[in-house]
Protein backbone atom coordinates (compact mmCIF):
# COMPACT_ATOMS: atom_id res chain seq x y z
CA MET A 1 8.92 21.21 -12.18
CA ASN A 2 11.72 18.63 -12.48
CA GLU A 3 14.49 20.72 -14.05
CA ASN A 4 16.49 20.92 -10.79
CA ILE A 5 16.25 17.21 -10.00
CA ILE A 6 19.32 15.23 -11.02
CA VAL A 7 20.24 11.55 -11.04
CA ILE A 8 23.23 11.07 -8.75
CA TYR A 9 23.48 7.28 -8.94
CA GLU A 10 22.03 4.48 -11.07
CA ASP A 11 22.64 0.79 -11.61
CA GLU A 12 20.60 -2.22 -12.74
CA GLU A 13 18.61 -2.37 -9.47
CA ILE A 14 18.14 1.18 -8.16
CA LYS A 15 18.14 4.83 -9.15
CA VAL A 16 18.95 7.73 -6.80
CA VAL A 17 17.89 11.32 -7.48
CA PHE A 18 18.65 14.58 -5.68
CA CYS A 19 16.14 17.41 -5.33
CA PRO A 20 17.71 20.58 -3.84
CA GLY A 21 15.59 22.63 -1.46
CA ARG A 22 15.61 25.43 1.09
CA SER A 23 15.44 23.39 4.31
CA ASP A 24 18.25 23.07 6.86
CA PHE A 25 17.63 19.32 7.00
CA ALA A 26 17.41 16.63 4.34
CA VAL A 27 14.78 13.97 3.70
CA ILE A 28 15.76 10.62 2.19
CA THR A 29 12.81 8.63 0.84
CA PHE A 30 12.56 5.03 -0.31
CA GLY A 31 9.89 4.00 -2.81
CA ASP A 32 7.41 1.22 -2.14
CA MET A 33 6.25 -1.61 -4.41
CA VAL A 34 3.79 0.67 -6.21
CA SER A 35 6.19 3.54 -6.89
CA LEU A 36 9.12 2.12 -8.82
CA ALA A 37 11.78 4.14 -10.64
CA ASP A 38 10.31 6.37 -13.35
CA GLY A 39 12.49 9.12 -14.77
CA VAL A 40 13.37 11.55 -11.98
CA ARG A 41 10.18 10.89 -9.99
CA PHE A 42 10.68 9.67 -6.44
CA PHE A 43 8.58 8.66 -3.45
CA ALA A 44 6.72 11.65 -1.89
CA ASP A 45 8.31 13.99 -4.45
CA THR A 46 5.20 16.16 -4.95
CA PRO A 47 4.74 17.24 -1.30
CA LEU A 48 8.49 17.54 -0.70
CA LYS A 49 8.89 19.87 -3.68
CA LYS A 50 5.90 21.95 -2.54
CA LEU A 51 7.43 22.24 0.92
CA GLY A 52 10.84 23.17 -0.47
CA PHE A 53 12.59 20.41 1.50
CA THR A 54 15.97 19.15 0.33
CA ALA A 55 15.46 15.52 -0.63
CA VAL A 56 17.13 12.41 -1.96
CA GLY A 57 14.90 9.75 -3.48
CA VAL A 58 16.08 6.14 -3.62
CA MET A 59 13.92 4.23 -6.10
CA ALA A 60 13.94 0.52 -6.87
CA LYS A 61 13.65 -0.54 -10.50
CA LYS A 62 11.73 -3.64 -9.45
CA THR A 63 10.35 -5.14 -6.25
CA ASN A 64 13.81 -6.02 -4.95
CA TRP A 65 13.71 -4.61 -1.38
CA PHE A 66 16.81 -2.53 -2.14
CA PRO A 67 19.66 -5.09 -2.30
CA ARG A 68 22.54 -4.64 0.13
CA ALA A 69 25.28 -4.56 -2.50
CA ASN A 70 23.55 -1.83 -4.49
CA MET A 71 22.79 0.25 -1.40
CA HIS A 72 26.40 0.03 -0.23
CA ALA A 73 27.46 1.13 -3.70
CA CYS A 74 25.21 4.22 -3.75
CA ALA A 75 25.62 5.26 -0.09
CA PRO A 76 28.91 7.20 -0.56
CA CYS A 77 27.28 9.23 -3.31
CA ILE A 78 24.25 10.05 -1.12
CA ASN A 79 26.38 10.92 1.91
CA ARG A 80 28.65 13.11 -0.18
CA THR A 81 25.65 14.96 -1.63
CA LEU A 82 24.20 15.53 1.85
CA ARG A 83 27.50 16.20 3.64
CA ASP A 84 26.27 19.61 4.86
CA TYR A 85 23.10 18.17 6.45
CA GLU A 86 23.48 16.90 9.99
CA THR A 87 19.74 16.24 10.35
CA ARG A 88 18.58 13.55 7.95
CA VAL A 89 15.08 12.11 8.07
CA VAL A 90 14.70 8.77 6.28
CA TYR A 91 11.13 7.99 5.21
CA GLY A 92 9.41 5.05 3.51
CA GLY A 93 6.49 2.64 3.59
CA SER A 94 6.29 -1.17 3.33
CA MET A 95 9.26 -2.16 1.13
CA GLY A 96 10.52 1.41 1.53
CA GLY A 97 9.83 1.25 5.27
CA TYR A 98 12.11 -1.78 5.51
CA ALA A 99 14.89 0.07 3.67
CA ALA A 100 14.45 3.22 5.78
CA ILE A 101 15.33 1.23 8.91
CA LYS A 102 17.76 -1.24 7.34
CA TYR A 103 19.99 1.45 5.83
CA SER A 104 19.56 4.20 8.44
CA ARG A 105 23.11 3.81 9.78
CA LEU A 106 24.55 3.48 6.29
CA LEU A 107 22.93 6.81 5.33
CA GLU A 108 23.81 8.53 8.63
CA ALA A 109 20.16 9.09 9.58
CA SER A 110 19.18 11.18 12.58
CA HIS A 111 15.49 10.19 12.37
CA VAL A 112 13.52 7.41 10.66
CA ILE A 113 9.80 7.36 9.81
CA SER A 114 8.86 3.84 8.76
CA LEU A 115 5.32 2.87 7.78
CA CYS A 116 4.28 -0.82 8.11
CA PRO A 117 7.80 -2.14 7.32
CA GLN A 118 8.95 -5.71 6.80
CA TRP A 119 11.78 -7.21 8.82
CA SER A 120 12.76 -9.91 6.31
CA LEU A 121 11.27 -11.93 3.45
CA ASP A 122 13.67 -14.81 4.13
CA SER A 123 11.53 -17.56 5.69
CA SER A 124 14.65 -19.31 7.01
CA GLU A 125 15.06 -16.37 9.41
CA CYS A 126 11.44 -16.48 10.57
CA ASP A 127 11.32 -19.69 12.63
CA GLY A 128 8.74 -21.37 10.41
CA PHE A 129 6.46 -18.31 10.14
CA ASN A 130 5.53 -17.24 6.61
CA PRO A 131 6.78 -13.63 6.35
CA GLY A 132 4.57 -12.90 3.33
CA TRP A 133 5.51 -11.46 -0.06
CA GLU A 134 7.05 -14.85 -0.85
CA SER A 135 6.56 -14.41 -4.60
CA TYR A 136 9.09 -11.56 -4.50
CA TYR A 137 11.75 -13.45 -2.58
CA VAL A 138 14.92 -14.40 -4.46
CA GLU A 139 18.01 -16.16 -3.17
CA GLU A 140 19.99 -12.90 -3.17
CA MET A 141 17.72 -11.72 -0.31
CA LYS A 142 18.88 -14.47 2.02
CA GLY A 143 19.78 -13.06 5.43
CA MET A 144 18.19 -9.69 4.60
CA GLY A 145 16.71 -9.24 8.09
CA ILE A 146 17.27 -5.96 9.93
CA ARG A 147 20.04 -6.20 12.56
CA HIS A 148 20.84 -3.93 15.48
CA ASN A 149 24.01 -2.66 13.82
CA ASP A 150 22.02 -1.60 10.73
CA VAL A 151 19.99 0.97 12.65
CA GLN A 152 20.80 4.52 13.67
CA GLY A 153 18.80 7.50 14.90
CA GLN A 154 15.38 7.86 16.47
CA VAL A 155 13.10 5.36 14.75
CA PHE A 156 9.31 5.84 14.58
CA ILE A 157 7.28 2.90 13.24
CA PHE A 158 3.61 3.27 12.26
CA VAL A 159 1.70 -0.02 12.30
CA ASP A 160 -1.83 -1.42 12.60
CA PRO A 161 -1.88 -3.62 15.74
CA PHE A 162 -4.64 -5.76 14.19
CA GLU A 163 -2.63 -6.57 11.05
CA THR A 164 -1.12 -9.95 11.93
CA LEU A 165 1.64 -10.00 9.32
CA ASP A 166 2.78 -6.44 9.99
CA MET A 167 2.84 -7.12 13.73
CA PHE A 168 5.07 -10.16 13.17
CA HIS A 169 7.59 -7.98 11.36
CA LEU A 170 7.29 -5.24 13.98
CA ARG A 171 8.08 -7.65 16.82
CA ARG A 172 11.18 -8.86 14.99
CA ILE A 173 12.36 -5.29 14.41
CA ILE A 174 11.77 -4.33 18.05
CA ASP A 175 13.64 -7.44 19.13
CA LYS A 176 16.67 -6.21 17.19
CA TYR A 177 16.24 -2.50 17.97
CA PRO A 178 14.23 -1.99 21.20
CA LEU A 179 14.65 1.80 21.10
CA ALA A 180 12.20 2.15 18.20
CA ILE A 181 8.95 3.94 19.09
CA ILE A 182 5.67 2.42 17.91
CA ILE A 183 2.79 4.59 16.67
CA LYS A 184 -0.36 2.47 16.47
CA THR A 185 -2.88 3.10 13.67
CA PRO A 186 -5.62 0.49 14.19
CA MET A 187 -8.08 -0.59 11.48
CA ILE A 188 -5.91 0.77 8.65
CA GLY A 189 -4.30 -2.52 7.63
CA HIS A 190 -1.30 -2.27 5.34
CA LYS A 191 -2.49 1.02 3.81
CA ILE A 192 -0.86 3.41 6.27
CA THR A 193 1.15 5.05 3.47
CA THR A 194 -2.09 6.02 1.73
CA VAL A 195 -3.69 7.33 4.92
CA LEU A 196 -0.70 9.52 5.77
CA ALA A 197 -0.25 10.86 2.22
CA GLY A 198 -0.49 14.61 1.60
CA THR A 199 1.63 17.72 1.90
CA ASN A 200 0.40 18.90 5.31
CA LYS A 201 0.58 15.45 6.88
CA LEU A 202 4.11 14.86 5.62
CA SER A 203 5.24 18.28 6.84
CA ASP A 204 3.78 17.58 10.28
CA LEU A 205 5.32 14.09 10.38
CA ILE A 206 8.79 15.37 9.57
CA SER A 207 8.58 18.31 12.00
CA ALA A 208 7.34 16.13 14.86
CA SER A 209 9.97 13.46 14.24
CA ILE A 210 12.80 16.02 14.20
CA ASP A 211 11.47 17.40 17.50
CA ASN A 212 11.14 13.83 18.86
CA ASP A 213 7.55 14.78 19.69
CA VAL A 214 5.92 11.37 20.15
CA ASN A 215 2.58 12.80 21.29
CA SER A 216 2.26 14.90 18.14
CA LEU A 217 3.10 11.89 15.97
CA ARG A 218 0.34 9.91 17.68
CA VAL A 219 -2.12 12.77 17.15
CA ILE A 220 -1.17 12.95 13.46
CA GLY A 221 -1.66 9.21 13.09
CA ARG A 222 -4.96 9.25 14.99
CA ASN A 223 -6.46 12.18 13.07
CA ALA A 224 -5.45 10.73 9.70
CA ARG A 225 -6.88 7.36 10.70
CA LEU A 226 -10.19 8.70 12.01
CA ASN A 227 -10.80 10.76 8.86
CA SER A 228 -9.91 7.95 6.47
CA PRO A 229 -12.58 5.90 4.66
CA ILE A 230 -10.08 3.01 4.77
CA ARG A 231 -10.50 2.72 8.55
CA LYS A 232 -14.29 2.81 8.25
CA GLN A 233 -14.22 0.21 5.50
CA ASN A 234 -11.94 -2.11 7.47
CA ALA A 235 -14.06 -1.67 10.59
CA PHE A 236 -17.20 -2.51 8.64
CA GLU A 237 -15.60 -5.59 7.06
CA ALA A 238 -14.62 -6.81 10.54
CA MET A 239 -18.20 -6.19 11.70
CA LYS A 240 -19.54 -8.06 8.67
CA ARG A 241 -17.38 -11.10 9.47
CA ARG A 242 -18.16 -11.22 13.18
CA LEU A 243 -21.63 -9.65 13.48
CA PRO A 244 -23.29 -9.79 10.03
CA ALA A 245 -26.80 -8.98 11.28
CA ILE A 246 -25.58 -5.81 13.02
CA ALA A 247 -23.62 -4.83 9.90
CA ASP A 248 -26.79 -5.06 7.79
CA LYS A 249 -28.70 -2.92 10.30
CA TYR A 250 -25.84 -0.42 10.23
CA LEU A 251 -26.24 0.04 6.48
CA GLU A 252 -30.01 0.38 6.67
CA LYS A 253 -29.66 3.68 8.54
CA LYS A 254 -29.80 6.55 6.10
CA TYR A 255 -26.88 8.48 7.61
CA ASN A 256 -24.58 5.46 7.19
CA GLN A 257 -25.27 4.88 3.50
CA TRP A 258 -22.38 7.10 2.42
CA PHE A 259 -20.39 3.98 3.33
CA LEU A 260 -21.93 2.10 0.42
CA LEU A 261 -19.81 4.19 -1.91
CA TYR A 262 -16.73 2.32 -0.65
CA ASN A 263 -18.51 -1.04 -0.35
CA TYR A 264 -20.54 -0.92 -3.52
CA GLU A 265 -21.38 -4.61 -3.56
CA GLN A 266 -23.28 -4.10 -0.30
CA TRP A 267 -26.13 -2.45 -2.24
CA ALA A 268 -27.10 -5.88 -3.54
CA LEU A 269 -26.80 -7.55 -0.12
CA LEU A 270 -28.79 -4.75 1.50
CA ALA A 271 -31.53 -5.02 -1.13
CA ASP A 272 -31.80 -8.79 -0.66
CA SER A 273 -32.57 -8.46 3.05
CA SER A 274 -34.90 -5.45 2.89
CA THR A 275 -38.67 -5.13 3.17
CA ASN A 276 -40.67 -3.52 0.35
CA HIS A 277 -40.73 -0.18 2.16
CA GLU A 278 -36.99 -0.34 2.89
CA PHE A 279 -36.29 -1.34 -0.70
CA GLN A 280 -37.91 1.81 -2.06
CA HIS A 281 -35.69 3.84 0.23
CA ILE A 282 -32.64 1.89 -0.99
CA ILE A 283 -33.48 2.68 -4.63
CA GLU A 284 -33.92 6.38 -3.80
CA SER A 285 -30.60 6.44 -1.91
CA PHE A 286 -28.81 4.77 -4.82
CA ASN A 287 -30.23 7.21 -7.38
CA ASN A 288 -29.30 10.20 -5.21
CA LEU A 289 -25.66 9.22 -4.66
CA LYS A 290 -23.47 12.21 -5.48
CA ALA A 291 -20.46 10.03 -6.21
CA ARG A 292 -20.13 6.55 -7.69
CA PRO A 293 -17.32 4.00 -8.08
CA ARG A 294 -15.03 4.86 -10.96
CA SER A 295 -15.75 1.55 -12.71
CA ILE A 296 -18.89 2.29 -14.70
CA ILE A 297 -19.17 -1.37 -15.71
CA TYR A 298 -19.38 -2.38 -12.05
CA GLN A 299 -21.74 0.52 -11.38
CA HIS A 300 -23.91 -0.68 -14.27
CA LEU A 301 -23.89 -4.23 -12.88
CA ILE A 302 -25.16 -3.21 -9.42
CA CYS A 303 -27.69 -0.84 -10.94
CA SER A 304 -28.98 -3.63 -13.22
CA TYR A 305 -29.34 -5.96 -10.25
CA LEU A 306 -31.33 -3.39 -8.26
CA ALA A 307 -33.48 -2.71 -11.33
CA GLN A 308 -34.21 -6.41 -11.66
CA LEU A 309 -35.35 -6.60 -8.03
CA ALA A 310 -37.45 -3.47 -8.51
CA ARG A 311 -38.94 -4.84 -11.74
CA GLY A 312 -37.62 -1.73 -13.38
CA LYS A 313 -35.02 -0.63 -15.89
CA VAL A 314 -31.59 0.95 -15.88
CA ALA A 315 -31.93 4.53 -17.05
CA VAL A 316 -29.30 7.06 -18.08
CA MET A 317 -29.61 9.99 -15.66
CA THR A 318 -28.41 13.51 -16.45
CA SER A 319 -26.96 16.12 -14.12
CA HIS A 320 -30.48 17.63 -14.00
CA LYS A 321 -31.72 14.43 -12.24
CA SER A 322 -33.73 13.62 -15.36
CA ILE A 323 -33.52 10.52 -17.57
CA LEU A 324 -33.07 10.02 -21.31
CA ILE A 325 -36.35 9.33 -23.12
CA TYR A 326 -37.15 8.60 -26.77
CA SER A 327 -40.36 9.98 -28.26
CA ILE A 328 -41.90 7.85 -31.01
CA SER A 329 -44.10 10.72 -32.13
CA GLU A 330 -41.11 13.03 -32.64
CA ASN A 331 -38.41 10.43 -33.45
CA SER A 332 -35.99 12.18 -31.12
CA VAL A 333 -34.41 11.88 -27.68
CA PHE A 334 -34.97 14.33 -24.84
CA HIS A 335 -34.69 14.19 -21.04
CA LYS A 336 -37.39 14.56 -18.41
CA SER A 337 -37.89 13.99 -14.69
CA GLY A 338 -41.69 13.93 -14.43
CA PRO A 339 -44.32 11.33 -15.40
CA ARG A 340 -43.87 9.70 -18.78
CA LYS A 341 -46.37 9.38 -21.63
CA LYS A 342 -47.18 6.04 -23.21
CA SER A 343 -45.20 7.12 -26.26
CA ASP A 344 -42.11 7.88 -24.15
CA ILE A 345 -39.61 5.02 -24.27
CA LEU A 346 -36.59 4.64 -22.01
CA VAL A 347 -33.20 5.07 -23.71
CA GLU A 348 -30.81 2.31 -22.69
CA CYS A 349 -27.03 2.33 -22.83
CA LEU A 350 -25.47 -1.03 -23.70
CA GLN A 351 -21.77 -1.00 -22.97
CA ASP A 352 -18.82 -3.18 -23.89
CA THR A 353 -15.80 -1.82 -21.98
CA GLU A 354 -15.31 1.68 -23.46
CA LYS A 355 -17.63 1.16 -26.44
CA ALA A 356 -21.37 1.63 -26.10
CA SER A 357 -24.57 1.84 -28.08
CA LEU A 358 -27.74 3.76 -27.28
CA SER A 359 -31.00 2.02 -28.11
CA ILE A 360 -34.67 1.59 -27.26
CA LEU A 361 -36.57 -1.63 -26.68
CA VAL A 362 -40.08 -1.84 -28.16
CA GLY A 363 -41.74 -5.13 -27.34
CA GLU A 364 -38.97 -7.63 -27.95
CA THR A 365 -37.28 -5.64 -30.71
CA ARG A 366 -34.31 -3.38 -30.06
CA PHE A 367 -33.72 -0.31 -32.22
CA PRO A 368 -30.30 1.40 -32.18
CA LEU A 369 -30.12 5.17 -32.03
CA ALA A 370 -27.99 7.15 -34.44
CA VAL A 371 -26.68 10.72 -34.45
CA SER A 372 -27.53 13.06 -37.30
CA GLU A 373 -25.04 15.55 -38.69
CA GLY A 374 -26.73 18.22 -36.58
CA GLY A 375 -26.27 16.18 -33.39
CA LYS A 376 -29.84 14.88 -33.04
CA LEU A 377 -30.37 11.38 -31.57
CA PHE A 378 -32.98 9.40 -33.51
CA VAL A 379 -33.91 5.99 -34.91
CA SER A 380 -32.47 5.87 -38.41
CA PRO A 381 -35.07 5.16 -41.10
CA THR A 382 -32.52 3.11 -43.05
CA ILE A 383 -31.62 -0.43 -42.03
CA ASP A 384 -27.88 0.12 -41.83
CA GLY A 385 -27.99 3.76 -40.73
CA ARG A 386 -25.50 4.66 -43.45
CA GLY A 387 -23.71 7.91 -42.81
CA LYS A 388 -24.81 7.99 -39.17
CA SER A 389 -22.90 7.35 -35.93
CA ASN A 390 -24.35 4.29 -34.16
CA TYR A 391 -21.51 3.70 -31.71
CA PHE A 392 -20.36 5.78 -28.79
CA THR A 393 -17.47 6.02 -26.36
CA LEU A 394 -17.91 6.16 -22.59
CA GLU A 395 -15.46 8.35 -20.66
CA GLU A 396 -15.22 7.87 -16.89
CA ARG A 397 -14.75 10.77 -14.50
CA GLU A 398 -13.15 10.87 -11.03
CA ASP A 399 -16.49 11.02 -9.19
CA GLY A 400 -17.88 7.94 -10.98
CA ARG A 401 -19.99 9.86 -13.48
CA PHE A 402 -19.39 9.41 -17.19
CA CYS A 403 -19.81 11.12 -20.55
CA ILE A 404 -21.08 9.69 -23.82
CA LYS A 405 -19.20 10.79 -26.93
CA SER A 406 -20.12 10.27 -30.57
CA ASN A 407 -18.21 11.21 -33.70
CA ASN A 408 -20.08 14.53 -33.59
CA GLY A 409 -19.14 15.32 -29.98
CA TYR A 410 -20.32 14.83 -26.41
CA LEU A 411 -23.95 14.16 -25.53
CA CYS A 412 -25.32 17.23 -23.74
CA ALA A 413 -28.55 17.57 -21.73
CA LEU A 414 -29.71 21.16 -22.17
CA PRO A 415 -31.85 22.80 -19.45
CA ASP A 416 -34.87 23.01 -21.80
CA GLY A 417 -35.10 19.20 -21.94
CA SER A 418 -33.47 18.72 -25.32
CA ILE A 419 -30.51 16.42 -26.07
CA ILE A 420 -27.76 17.29 -28.51
CA CYS A 421 -24.60 15.34 -29.45
CA ASN A 422 -22.22 18.00 -30.72
CA ARG A 423 -20.31 19.44 -27.77
CA SER A 424 -16.53 19.64 -28.08
CA ASN A 425 -15.92 19.69 -24.30
CA ALA A 426 -17.50 17.85 -21.38
CA ASP A 427 -18.81 20.05 -18.57
CA GLU A 428 -21.63 19.65 -16.02
CA TRP A 429 -24.45 19.25 -18.57
CA GLU A 430 -22.50 16.43 -20.23
CA MET A 431 -22.19 14.38 -17.01
CA LEU A 432 -24.30 11.21 -16.72
CA ASN A 433 -25.05 8.43 -14.24
CA TYR A 434 -26.97 5.18 -14.20
CA SER A 435 -30.17 5.09 -12.18
CA VAL A 436 -33.03 2.69 -11.48
CA THR A 437 -36.47 3.62 -12.79
CA LYS A 438 -39.77 1.77 -12.36
CA LEU A 439 -41.45 0.57 -15.55
CA ASP A 440 -44.80 2.06 -14.54
CA ASN A 441 -43.38 5.52 -13.75
C-alpha cells in the first residue's frame, strides 16, 4: 500500500519520497538506471515496506547520476525529515551505488551499502581510461568523481573482482576513501543488485552493516552468489571462451542440462556436436524441460532447429505430455501421447509475434483449422471459413509455457484426450509447450 508514502521534494531531475516505518534507524535508497522515478515508487520499496523500515527514496527522472546541484537542493529536506534518526543506512546499486557514496556526508550517513558503483563518468578525470557509460555523460557531469570529503560513515562496497570496468571504479574510490571495506562477489559481473535482491537478503545486509559485521556481509554475498544462476551462467561463458571443448562436455552430462534453460542457444550448439545416441538424449531432455525461456518465438526457433536435425516436426505439447493431433476420419483435433495412426496428422502452430494460426500439412498443402461455436477445432468445409475463428492469440507465462486463445476462449486439453476451445480462464490443462517429435512416431 502506498497511501502513507509522500513526496517530500521534486524538481526537473529527481524526486524524493518518504515512507514512514517502525524501525529506530532510517534507510535512504538511490535508484539505478533501470528504476527511474515512477509515482511514489522507489528503489527497494517492496522489501523495505514489508520489513517496516523507515525509508527515504531518492529517484532520478532520467539517467543523470543524481546531479550535485539537485542533491544539494533536496538534502535539507531529507535531513529535516530524518532528524530523529541517528543511524542512517544509504543503499544503492550502479548509478545509485555511486550516489550512495558520493552524497553520504551530505545526507549524514552512518553506514553505506554500495553495489558495483561508478567513481566518475568524466573521462578527463580517468587518465585516458574509458570509464564506460559514455552515452550518458553530459557536460554538467564534469568533475563528478567521488572525493574524500564527500564520504562519511562505514562504507561497504560489493564488487566482482573479475569485472574490469567495475574494478577500475573501485580502485579510484578506494584511492579517495581507503577506509571503505570491499566485499568480493566473483562471477556475478555488474548484476550484483539482482543477486542481492529480496526481503530477507536486504534485511540481513542492513542488520550486518549497522553491526559493522564484515564476516556476515561476506557470508551474505557468498551465499547469494553461489545460489544465483547468474554466477553459473557467467562461469560457463568464461569456460566457453577459454575451454570450449570442456564446456561442451559439461553440457552433455544430464545433471548439468538445467543450465541450458539460461543458455538456450546452447541446445543448438550441443546438438551440432553430438553423436546419434547423444542426440536422442538431447531431444528427450529438451522435451522434458519443466521451464522454458519466456520468449516463445525464441523457444520455437530452437525447437524448429532441433526438429530439422532430427528430421522431425515441431509439435504442440500439452500439460499431459501429449501432442495435438488432427484426425482426418473424424475432422477434429485431440491429443495423444502414444503411437499415431496413419490418419493422425500433427497440428502445427504458426506464429507471428502474438498472433498465431493452427493448421495441418497434408502433402504440400496446408489447411487452417477453425473453431466452431461449440469450441471444436476442425478443418472448415468452406473455403473462407465464414463465421469461424481462424486466428489465435498466444499468451506467454512466467515459466515459458503458453496458452492459445480463440474468440471462443482458451484451448484446453481434457484428460480424456479431447480438445476444446471455450475456456474462460487458463489453468494447468490450458498450458502448452513446443516439443520435437519424429515423423515416423
